[in-house]
């Protein structure tokens, strides 16, 4: 099986990936980095020394997948993880 590529991040399991919060409506979450430990419908839990729960809808994340860095808007990640992996993405261009 081929390794997933960076542009397939929305169809990939996020748990275990390195992540960083680039932008968020809560300024204390900006700059939080670590490994994704859990994901729910509306939040991502990023753990480093301590786990931080970040709302998906208001944040912009940076994930590292197979050595490639990908910037993702949290709105694109909203939804149950098991459904997001199966969902097809409609292209608007």
PDB file of N, CA and C in Angstrom:
ATOM      1  N   UNK A   1       0.841  -1.183   0.000  1.00  0.00           N
ATOM      2  CA  UNK A   1       0.000   0.000   0.000  1.00  0.00           C
ATOM      3  C   UNK A   1       0.884   1.243   0.000  1.00  0.00           C
ATOM      4  N   UNK A   2       0.594   2.179  -0.853  1.00  0.00           N
ATOM      5  CA  UNK A   2       1.389   3.402  -0.960  1.00  0.00           C
ATOM      6  C   UNK A   2       1.124   4.321   0.231  1.00  0.00           C
ATOM      7  N   UNK A   3       2.142   5.050   0.617  1.00  0.00           N
ATOM      8  CA  UNK A   3       1.995   6.007   1.715  1.00  0.00           C
ATOM      9  C   UNK A   3       1.103   7.163   1.264  1.00  0.00           C
ATOM     10  N   UNK A   4       0.240   7.671   2.165  1.00  0.00           N
ATOM     11  CA  UNK A   4      -0.623   8.795   1.787  1.00  0.00           C
ATOM     12  C   UNK A   4       0.191  10.040   1.484  1.00  0.00           C
ATOM     13  N   UNK A   5      -0.293  10.818   0.533  1.00  0.00           N
ATOM     14  CA  UNK A   5       0.384  12.053   0.164  1.00  0.00           C
ATOM     15  C   UNK A   5      -0.276  13.228   0.867  1.00  0.00           C
ATOM     16  N   UNK A   6       0.429  14.339   0.913  1.00  0.00           N
ATOM     17  CA  UNK A   6      -0.010  15.505   1.677  1.00  0.00           C
ATOM     18  C   UNK A   6      -1.361  16.038   1.222  1.00  0.00           C
ATOM     19  N   UNK A   7      -1.638  16.024  -0.086  1.00  0.00           N
ATOM     20  CA  UNK A   7      -2.909  16.582  -0.543  1.00  0.00           C
ATOM     21  C   UNK A   7      -4.098  15.700  -0.167  1.00  0.00           C
ATOM     22  N   UNK A   8      -3.848  14.523   0.388  1.00  0.00           N
ATOM     23  CA  UNK A   8      -4.908  13.618   0.821  1.00  0.00           C
ATOM     24  C   UNK A   8      -5.167  13.716   2.321  1.00  0.00           C
ATOM     25  N   UNK A   9      -4.724  14.794   2.944  1.00  0.00           N
ATOM     26  CA  UNK A   9      -4.815  14.936   4.401  1.00  0.00           C
ATOM     27  C   UNK A   9      -6.257  14.855   4.907  1.00  0.00           C
ATOM     28  N   UNK A  10      -7.224  15.341   4.142  1.00  0.00           N
ATOM     29  CA  UNK A  10      -8.611  15.324   4.603  1.00  0.00           C
ATOM     30  C   UNK A  10      -9.182  13.914   4.652  1.00  0.00           C
ATOM     31  N   UNK A  11      -8.572  12.988   3.936  1.00  0.00           N
ATOM     32  CA  UNK A  11      -9.023  11.598   3.952  1.00  0.00           C
ATOM     33  C   UNK A  11      -8.125  10.735   4.833  1.00  0.00           C
ATOM     34  N   UNK A  12      -7.274  11.345   5.602  1.00  0.00           N
ATOM     35  CA  UNK A  12      -6.302  10.628   6.408  1.00  0.00           C
ATOM     36  C   UNK A  12      -6.676  10.706   7.886  1.00  0.00           C
ATOM     37  N   UNK A  13      -6.314   9.702   8.630  1.00  0.00           N
ATOM     38  CA  UNK A  13      -6.477   9.719  10.081  1.00  0.00           C
ATOM     39  C   UNK A  13      -5.501  10.727  10.668  1.00  0.00           C
ATOM     40  N   UNK A  14      -5.993  11.638  11.516  1.00  0.00           N
ATOM     41  CA  UNK A  14      -5.145  12.690  12.076  1.00  0.00           C
ATOM     42  C   UNK A  14      -4.410  12.253  13.343  1.00  0.00           C
ATOM     43  N   UNK A  15      -4.952  11.289  14.056  1.00  0.00           N
ATOM     44  CA  UNK A  15      -4.332  10.860  15.311  1.00  0.00           C
ATOM     45  C   UNK A  15      -2.946  10.296  15.021  1.00  0.00           C
ATOM     46  N   UNK A  16      -1.960  10.844  15.733  1.00  0.00           N
ATOM     47  CA  UNK A  16      -0.579  10.425  15.556  1.00  0.00           C
ATOM     48  C   UNK A  16       0.246  11.374  14.705  1.00  0.00           C
ATOM     49  N   UNK A  17      -0.395  12.312  14.009  1.00  0.00           N
ATOM     50  CA  UNK A  17       0.338  13.271  13.194  1.00  0.00           C
ATOM     51  C   UNK A  17       0.861  14.412  14.052  1.00  0.00           C
ATOM     52  N   UNK A  18       1.979  14.992  13.634  1.00  0.00           N
ATOM     53  CA  UNK A  18       2.489  16.198  14.283  1.00  0.00           C
ATOM     54  C   UNK A  18       1.636  17.373  13.806  1.00  0.00           C
ATOM     55  N   UNK A  19       1.243  18.244  14.741  1.00  0.00           N
ATOM     56  CA  UNK A  19       0.369  19.364  14.397  1.00  0.00           C
ATOM     57  C   UNK A  19       0.791  20.624  15.122  1.00  0.00           C
ATOM     58  N   UNK A  20       0.407  21.755  14.526  1.00  0.00           N
ATOM     59  CA  UNK A  20       0.631  23.055  15.151  1.00  0.00           C
ATOM     60  C   UNK A  20      -0.558  23.942  14.801  1.00  0.00           C
ATOM     61  N   UNK A  21      -0.995  24.763  15.759  1.00  0.00           N
ATOM     62  CA  UNK A  21      -2.084  25.703  15.526  1.00  0.00           C
ATOM     63  C   UNK A  21      -1.470  27.011  15.039  1.00  0.00           C
ATOM     64  N   UNK A  22      -1.806  27.406  13.801  1.00  0.00           N
ATOM     65  CA  UNK A  22      -1.262  28.635  13.223  1.00  0.00           C
ATOM     66  C   UNK A  22      -2.131  29.843  13.551  1.00  0.00           C
ATOM     67  N   UNK A  23      -3.454  29.660  13.511  1.00  0.00           N
ATOM     68  CA  UNK A  23      -4.402  30.727  13.809  1.00  0.00           C
ATOM     69  C   UNK A  23      -5.556  30.131  14.601  1.00  0.00           C
ATOM     70  N   UNK A  24      -6.140  30.940  15.489  1.00  0.00           N
ATOM     71  CA  UNK A  24      -7.305  30.500  16.252  1.00  0.00           C
ATOM     72  C   UNK A  24      -7.996  31.719  16.828  1.00  0.00           C
ATOM     73  N   UNK A  25      -9.298  31.591  17.070  1.00  0.00           N
ATOM     74  CA  UNK A  25     -10.036  32.682  17.684  1.00  0.00           C
ATOM     75  C   UNK A  25      -9.635  32.858  19.147  1.00  0.00           C
ATOM     76  N   UNK A  26      -9.088  31.803  19.749  1.00  0.00           N
ATOM     77  CA  UNK A  26      -8.567  31.869  21.110  1.00  0.00           C
ATOM     78  C   UNK A  26      -7.051  32.062  21.027  1.00  0.00           C
ATOM     79  N   UNK A  27      -6.556  33.265  21.333  1.00  0.00           N
ATOM     80  CA  UNK A  27      -5.124  33.546  21.159  1.00  0.00           C
ATOM     81  C   UNK A  27      -4.200  32.640  21.974  1.00  0.00           C
ATOM     82  N   UNK A  28      -4.690  32.061  23.059  1.00  0.00           N
ATOM     83  CA  UNK A  28      -3.818  31.192  23.861  1.00  0.00           C
ATOM     84  C   UNK A  28      -3.537  29.859  23.168  1.00  0.00           C
ATOM     85  N   UNK A  29      -4.325  29.518  22.142  1.00  0.00           N
ATOM     86  CA  UNK A  29      -4.089  28.270  21.402  1.00  0.00           C
ATOM     87  C   UNK A  29      -3.097  28.434  20.258  1.00  0.00           C
ATOM     88  N   UNK A  30      -2.845  29.667  19.828  1.00  0.00           N
ATOM     89  CA  UNK A  30      -1.926  29.900  18.714  1.00  0.00           C
ATOM     90  C   UNK A  30      -0.513  29.477  19.136  1.00  0.00           C
ATOM     91  N   UNK A  31       0.112  28.669  18.315  1.00  0.00           N
ATOM     92  CA  UNK A  31       1.459  28.185  18.610  1.00  0.00           C
ATOM     93  C   UNK A  31       1.498  26.854  19.327  1.00  0.00           C
ATOM     94  N   UNK A  32       0.332  26.317  19.710  1.00  0.00           N
ATOM     95  CA  UNK A  32       0.304  25.005  20.360  1.00  0.00           C
ATOM     96  C   UNK A  32       0.767  23.973  19.349  1.00  0.00           C
ATOM     97  N   UNK A  33       1.717  23.143  19.746  1.00  0.00           N
ATOM     98  CA  UNK A  33       2.214  22.117  18.832  1.00  0.00           C
ATOM     99  C   UNK A  33       2.434  20.817  19.590  1.00  0.00           C
ATOM    100  N   UNK A  34       2.393  19.733  18.858  1.00  0.00           N
ATOM    101  CA  UNK A  34       2.583  18.415  19.444  1.00  0.00           C
ATOM    102  C   UNK A  34       1.940  17.371  18.551  1.00  0.00           C
ATOM    103  N   UNK A  35       1.677  16.215  19.123  1.00  0.00           N
ATOM    104  CA  UNK A  35       1.072  15.104  18.403  1.00  0.00           C
ATOM    105  C   UNK A  35      -0.435  15.112  18.642  1.00  0.00           C
ATOM    106  N   UNK A  36      -1.203  14.844  17.599  1.00  0.00           N
ATOM    107  CA  UNK A  36      -2.654  14.745  17.755  1.00  0.00           C
ATOM    108  C   UNK A  36      -2.949  13.462  18.521  1.00  0.00           C
ATOM    109  N   UNK A  37      -3.582  13.619  19.705  1.00  0.00           N
ATOM    110  CA  UNK A  37      -3.875  12.463  20.544  1.00  0.00           C
ATOM    111  C   UNK A  37      -5.310  12.001  20.413  1.00  0.00           C
ATOM    112  N   UNK A  38      -6.217  12.915  20.060  1.00  0.00           N
ATOM    113  CA  UNK A  38      -7.628  12.557  19.948  1.00  0.00           C
ATOM    114  C   UNK A  38      -8.301  13.547  19.016  1.00  0.00           C
ATOM    115  N   UNK A  39      -9.411  13.106  18.440  1.00  0.00           N
ATOM    116  CA  UNK A  39     -10.182  13.964  17.551  1.00  0.00           C
ATOM    117  C   UNK A  39     -11.647  13.638  17.741  1.00  0.00           C
ATOM    118  N   UNK A  40     -12.474  14.667  17.796  1.00  0.00           N
ATOM    119  CA  UNK A  40     -13.914  14.470  17.911  1.00  0.00           C
ATOM    120  C   UNK A  40     -14.609  15.257  16.809  1.00  0.00           C
ATOM    121  N   UNK A  41     -15.913  15.368  16.901  1.00  0.00           N
ATOM    122  CA  UNK A  41     -16.714  16.058  15.901  1.00  0.00           C
ATOM    123  C   UNK A  41     -16.240  17.488  15.667  1.00  0.00           C
ATOM    124  N   UNK A  42     -15.975  18.231  16.739  1.00  0.00           N
ATOM    125  CA  UNK A  42     -15.648  19.644  16.630  1.00  0.00           C
ATOM    126  C   UNK A  42     -14.293  20.039  17.193  1.00  0.00           C
ATOM    127  N   UNK A  43     -13.536  19.102  17.740  1.00  0.00           N
ATOM    128  CA  UNK A  43     -12.271  19.460  18.374  1.00  0.00           C
ATOM    129  C   UNK A  43     -11.145  18.496  18.004  1.00  0.00           C
ATOM    130  N   UNK A  44      -9.927  18.999  18.185  1.00  0.00           N
ATOM    131  CA  UNK A  44      -8.718  18.191  18.039  1.00  0.00           C
ATOM    132  C   UNK A  44      -7.942  18.359  19.341  1.00  0.00           C
ATOM    133  N   UNK A  45      -7.436  17.264  19.896  1.00  0.00           N
ATOM    134  CA  UNK A  45      -6.621  17.326  21.107  1.00  0.00           C
ATOM    135  C   UNK A  45      -5.165  17.146  20.697  1.00  0.00           C
ATOM    136  N   UNK A  46      -4.371  18.186  20.974  1.00  0.00           N
ATOM    137  CA  UNK A  46      -2.951  18.168  20.635  1.00  0.00           C
ATOM    138  C   UNK A  46      -2.177  18.067  21.931  1.00  0.00           C
ATOM    139  N   UNK A  47      -1.333  17.044  22.049  1.00  0.00           N
ATOM    140  CA  UNK A  47      -0.583  16.832  23.275  1.00  0.00           C
ATOM    141  C   UNK A  47       0.886  17.088  23.088  1.00  0.00           C
ATOM    142  N   UNK A  48       1.452  17.823  24.011  1.00  0.00           N
ATOM    143  CA  UNK A  48       2.903  17.964  24.104  1.00  0.00           C
ATOM    144  C   UNK A  48       3.226  17.639  25.560  1.00  0.00           C
ATOM    145  N   UNK A  49       3.560  18.618  26.350  1.00  0.00           N
ATOM    146  CA  UNK A  49       3.716  18.365  27.784  1.00  0.00           C
ATOM    147  C   UNK A  49       2.353  18.167  28.439  1.00  0.00           C
ATOM    148  N   UNK A  50       1.371  18.916  27.948  1.00  0.00           N
ATOM    149  CA  UNK A  50      -0.002  18.747  28.416  1.00  0.00           C
ATOM    150  C   UNK A  50      -0.925  18.834  27.206  1.00  0.00           C
ATOM    151  N   UNK A  51      -2.033  18.127  27.252  1.00  0.00           N
ATOM    152  CA  UNK A  51      -2.948  18.086  26.116  1.00  0.00           C
ATOM    153  C   UNK A  51      -3.806  19.348  26.077  1.00  0.00           C
ATOM    154  N   UNK A  52      -3.990  19.892  24.874  1.00  0.00           N
ATOM    155  CA  UNK A  52      -4.832  21.075  24.679  1.00  0.00           C
ATOM    156  C   UNK A  52      -5.918  20.728  23.670  1.00  0.00           C
ATOM    157  N   UNK A  53      -7.157  21.068  23.993  1.00  0.00           N
ATOM    158  CA  UNK A  53      -8.288  20.823  23.102  1.00  0.00           C
ATOM    159  C   UNK A  53      -8.547  22.101  22.301  1.00  0.00           C
ATOM    160  N   UNK A  54      -8.526  21.982  20.969  1.00  0.00           N
ATOM    161  CA  UNK A  54      -8.670  23.137  20.090  1.00  0.00           C
ATOM    162  C   UNK A  54      -9.901  22.930  19.213  1.00  0.00           C
ATOM    163  N   UNK A  55     -10.776  23.939  19.164  1.00  0.00           N
ATOM    164  CA  UNK A  55     -11.959  23.878  18.297  1.00  0.00           C
ATOM    165  C   UNK A  55     -11.526  23.930  16.839  1.00  0.00           C
ATOM    166  N   UNK A  56     -12.103  23.068  16.017  1.00  0.00           N
ATOM    167  CA  UNK A  56     -11.718  22.994  14.605  1.00  0.00           C
ATOM    168  C   UNK A  56     -12.201  24.200  13.814  1.00  0.00           C
ATOM    169  N   UNK A  57     -13.428  24.653  14.059  1.00  0.00           N
ATOM    170  CA  UNK A  57     -14.048  25.632  13.157  1.00  0.00           C
ATOM    171  C   UNK A  57     -13.348  26.981  13.103  1.00  0.00           C
ATOM    172  N   UNK A  58     -12.669  27.377  14.165  1.00  0.00           N
ATOM    173  CA  UNK A  58     -12.050  28.696  14.214  1.00  0.00           C
ATOM    174  C   UNK A  58     -10.538  28.670  14.040  1.00  0.00           C
ATOM    175  N   UNK A  59      -9.981  27.516  13.744  1.00  0.00           N
ATOM    176  CA  UNK A  59      -8.521  27.385  13.734  1.00  0.00           C
ATOM    177  C   UNK A  59      -7.981  27.039  12.348  1.00  0.00           C
ATOM    178  N   UNK A  60      -6.696  27.320  12.181  1.00  0.00           N
ATOM    179  CA  UNK A  60      -5.947  26.881  11.000  1.00  0.00           C
ATOM    180  C   UNK A  60      -4.789  26.049  11.537  1.00  0.00           C
ATOM    181  N   UNK A  61      -4.646  24.833  11.020  1.00  0.00           N
ATOM    182  CA  UNK A  61      -3.658  23.892  11.520  1.00  0.00           C
ATOM    183  C   UNK A  61      -2.559  23.661  10.497  1.00  0.00           C
ATOM    184  N   UNK A  62      -1.403  23.241  10.991  1.00  0.00           N
ATOM    185  CA  UNK A  62      -0.302  22.792  10.142  1.00  0.00           C
ATOM    186  C   UNK A  62       0.005  21.359  10.568  1.00  0.00           C
ATOM    187  N   UNK A  63      -0.136  20.421   9.651  1.00  0.00           N
ATOM    188  CA  UNK A  63       0.127  19.008   9.921  1.00  0.00           C
ATOM    189  C   UNK A  63       1.349  18.566   9.132  1.00  0.00           C
ATOM    190  N   UNK A  64       2.083  17.615   9.695  1.00  0.00           N
ATOM    191  CA  UNK A  64       3.207  17.009   8.989  1.00  0.00           C
ATOM    192  C   UNK A  64       2.826  15.574   8.662  1.00  0.00           C
ATOM    193  N   UNK A  65       2.776  15.263   7.371  1.00  0.00           N
ATOM    194  CA  UNK A  65       2.382  13.938   6.900  1.00  0.00           C
ATOM    195  C   UNK A  65       3.472  13.425   5.974  1.00  0.00           C
ATOM    196  N   UNK A  66       4.172  12.384   6.391  1.00  0.00           N
ATOM    197  CA  UNK A  66       5.266  11.785   5.610  1.00  0.00           C
ATOM    198  C   UNK A  66       6.317  12.815   5.213  1.00  0.00           C
ATOM    199  N   UNK A  67       6.658  13.681   6.145  1.00  0.00           N
ATOM    200  CA  UNK A  67       7.697  14.669   5.906  1.00  0.00           C
ATOM    201  C   UNK A  67       7.244  15.908   5.161  1.00  0.00           C
ATOM    202  N   UNK A  68       6.001  15.930   4.699  1.00  0.00           N
ATOM    203  CA  UNK A  68       5.455  17.092   4.001  1.00  0.00           C
ATOM    204  C   UNK A  68       4.588  17.892   4.961  1.00  0.00           C
ATOM    205  N   UNK A  69       4.679  19.220   4.878  1.00  0.00           N
ATOM    206  CA  UNK A  69       3.893  20.093   5.740  1.00  0.00           C
ATOM    207  C   UNK A  69       2.661  20.556   4.977  1.00  0.00           C
ATOM    208  N   UNK A  70       1.481  20.457   5.635  1.00  0.00           N
ATOM    209  CA  UNK A  70       0.218  20.813   5.011  1.00  0.00           C
ATOM    210  C   UNK A  70      -0.528  21.782   5.917  1.00  0.00           C
ATOM    211  N   UNK A  71      -0.990  22.883   5.340  1.00  0.00           N
ATOM    212  CA  UNK A  71      -1.796  23.865   6.076  1.00  0.00           C
ATOM    213  C   UNK A  71      -3.264  23.583   5.766  1.00  0.00           C
ATOM    214  N   UNK A  72      -4.094  23.422   6.830  1.00  0.00           N
ATOM    215  CA  UNK A  72      -5.494  23.051   6.655  1.00  0.00           C
ATOM    216  C   UNK A  72      -6.378  23.955   7.508  1.00  0.00           C
ATOM    217  N   UNK A  73      -7.449  24.470   6.909  1.00  0.00           N
ATOM    218  CA  UNK A  73      -8.435  25.210   7.685  1.00  0.00           C
ATOM    219  C   UNK A  73      -9.279  24.218   8.463  1.00  0.00           C
ATOM    220  N   UNK A  74      -9.532  24.548   9.713  1.00  0.00           N
ATOM    221  CA  UNK A  74     -10.279  23.648  10.589  1.00  0.00           C
ATOM    222  C   UNK A  74     -11.681  23.340  10.099  1.00  0.00           C
ATOM    223  N   UNK A  75     -12.307  24.293   9.397  1.00  0.00           N
ATOM    224  CA  UNK A  75     -13.662  24.050   8.882  1.00  0.00           C
ATOM    225  C   UNK A  75     -13.697  22.838   7.962  1.00  0.00           C
ATOM    226  N   UNK A  76     -12.619  22.592   7.241  1.00  0.00           N
ATOM    227  CA  UNK A  76     -12.559  21.438   6.341  1.00  0.00           C
ATOM    228  C   UNK A  76     -12.466  20.130   7.115  1.00  0.00           C
ATOM    229  N   UNK A  77     -12.054  20.209   8.378  1.00  0.00           N
ATOM    230  CA  UNK A  77     -11.895  19.013   9.204  1.00  0.00           C
ATOM    231  C   UNK A  77     -13.131  18.710  10.044  1.00  0.00           C
ATOM    232  N   UNK A  78     -14.098  19.634  10.076  1.00  0.00           N
ATOM    233  CA  UNK A  78     -15.255  19.435  10.934  1.00  0.00           C
ATOM    234  C   UNK A  78     -16.051  18.215  10.520  1.00  0.00           C
ATOM    235  N   UNK A  79     -16.602  17.542  11.494  1.00  0.00           N
ATOM    236  CA  UNK A  79     -17.375  16.333  11.275  1.00  0.00           C
ATOM    237  C   UNK A  79     -16.732  15.172  12.006  1.00  0.00           C
ATOM    238  N   UNK A  80     -17.476  14.092  12.083  1.00  0.00           N
ATOM    239  CA  UNK A  80     -16.937  12.915  12.751  1.00  0.00           C
ATOM    240  C   UNK A  80     -15.772  12.366  11.944  1.00  0.00           C
ATOM    241  N   UNK A  81     -14.686  12.014  12.618  1.00  0.00           N
ATOM    242  CA  UNK A  81     -13.499  11.534  11.889  1.00  0.00           C
ATOM    243  C   UNK A  81     -13.796  10.342  10.972  1.00  0.00           C
ATOM    244  N   UNK A  82     -14.619   9.425  11.430  1.00  0.00           N
ATOM    245  CA  UNK A  82     -14.911   8.236  10.624  1.00  0.00           C
ATOM    246  C   UNK A  82     -15.714   8.588   9.373  1.00  0.00           C
ATOM    247  N   UNK A  83     -16.512   9.671   9.425  1.00  0.00           N
ATOM    248  CA  UNK A  83     -17.258  10.096   8.242  1.00  0.00           C
ATOM    249  C   UNK A  83     -16.387  10.931   7.308  1.00  0.00           C
ATOM    250  N   UNK A  84     -15.502  11.751   7.875  1.00  0.00           N
ATOM    251  CA  UNK A  84     -14.643  12.599   7.054  1.00  0.00           C
ATOM    252  C   UNK A  84     -13.722  11.763   6.167  1.00  0.00           C
ATOM    253  N   UNK A  85     -13.252  10.654   6.676  1.00  0.00           N
ATOM    254  CA  UNK A  85     -12.354   9.784   5.916  1.00  0.00           C
ATOM    255  C   UNK A  85     -13.061   9.232   4.680  1.00  0.00           C
ATOM    256  N   UNK A  86     -14.380   9.003   4.784  1.00  0.00           N
ATOM    257  CA  UNK A  86     -15.148   8.442   3.674  1.00  0.00           C
ATOM    258  C   UNK A  86     -15.711   9.497   2.728  1.00  0.00           C
ATOM    259  N   UNK A  87     -15.784  10.758   3.184  1.00  0.00           N
ATOM    260  CA  UNK A  87     -16.446  11.819   2.424  1.00  0.00           C
ATOM    261  C   UNK A  87     -15.653  12.192   1.172  1.00  0.00           C
ATOM    262  N   UNK A  88     -16.375  12.492   0.107  1.00  0.00           N
ATOM    263  CA  UNK A  88     -15.720  13.010  -1.092  1.00  0.00           C
ATOM    264  C   UNK A  88     -15.747  14.525  -1.029  1.00  0.00           C
ATOM    265  N   UNK A  89     -14.689  15.139  -1.464  1.00  0.00           N
ATOM    266  CA  UNK A  89     -14.557  16.592  -1.416  1.00  0.00           C
ATOM    267  C   UNK A  89     -14.981  17.162  -2.755  1.00  0.00           C
ATOM    268  N   UNK A  90     -15.924  18.119  -2.725  1.00  0.00           N
ATOM    269  CA  UNK A  90     -16.361  18.771  -3.945  1.00  0.00           C
ATOM    270  C   UNK A  90     -15.379  19.885  -4.292  1.00  0.00           C
ATOM    271  N   UNK A  91     -14.865  19.850  -5.478  1.00  0.00           N
ATOM    272  CA  UNK A  91     -13.952  20.889  -5.919  1.00  0.00           C
ATOM    273  C   UNK A  91     -14.759  22.060  -6.442  1.00  0.00           C
ATOM    274  N   UNK A  92     -14.328  23.258  -6.119  1.00  0.00           N
ATOM    275  CA  UNK A  92     -15.053  24.456  -6.508  1.00  0.00           C
ATOM    276  C   UNK A  92     -14.315  25.239  -7.582  1.00  0.00           C
ATOM    277  N   UNK A  93     -13.412  24.610  -8.270  1.00  0.00           N
ATOM    278  CA  UNK A  93     -12.692  25.300  -9.333  1.00  0.00           C
ATOM    279  C   UNK A  93     -12.683  24.474 -10.572  1.00  0.00           C
TER     280      UNK A  93
END
